[in-house]
Amino acid sequence: MVTGSVIEKITPVNKLVKPPAGFNLKFTQAKGKQKPPKFELGPVDVLETSINGGPIEESGLMSTDLLTFAAPLEIKA
């Protein structure tokens, strides 16, 4: 079982991205703990995992992904 949230860095921001280009998502972790564990001034909300009914433990995701859309899009920050 996996619960909780992950926060990622997305680039580029404040720039119109036209297909087939997309946005880069970078999830990071260190020693099995999600980085960052929360939004600035927000509560901690990280991934937690239980394997085969075992104890729930904090876990981290490391991944780099490309998010694409069919139409031009801009993410403002």
Foldseek 3Di string as FASTA:
>chain_A
DKDWDADWDKDDAPDKDAPPAFIKTWWDDDPFATPPQDDVVDDGIAMWDDDPNHDIDGGGDGDIDTDGDNGIDHHHD
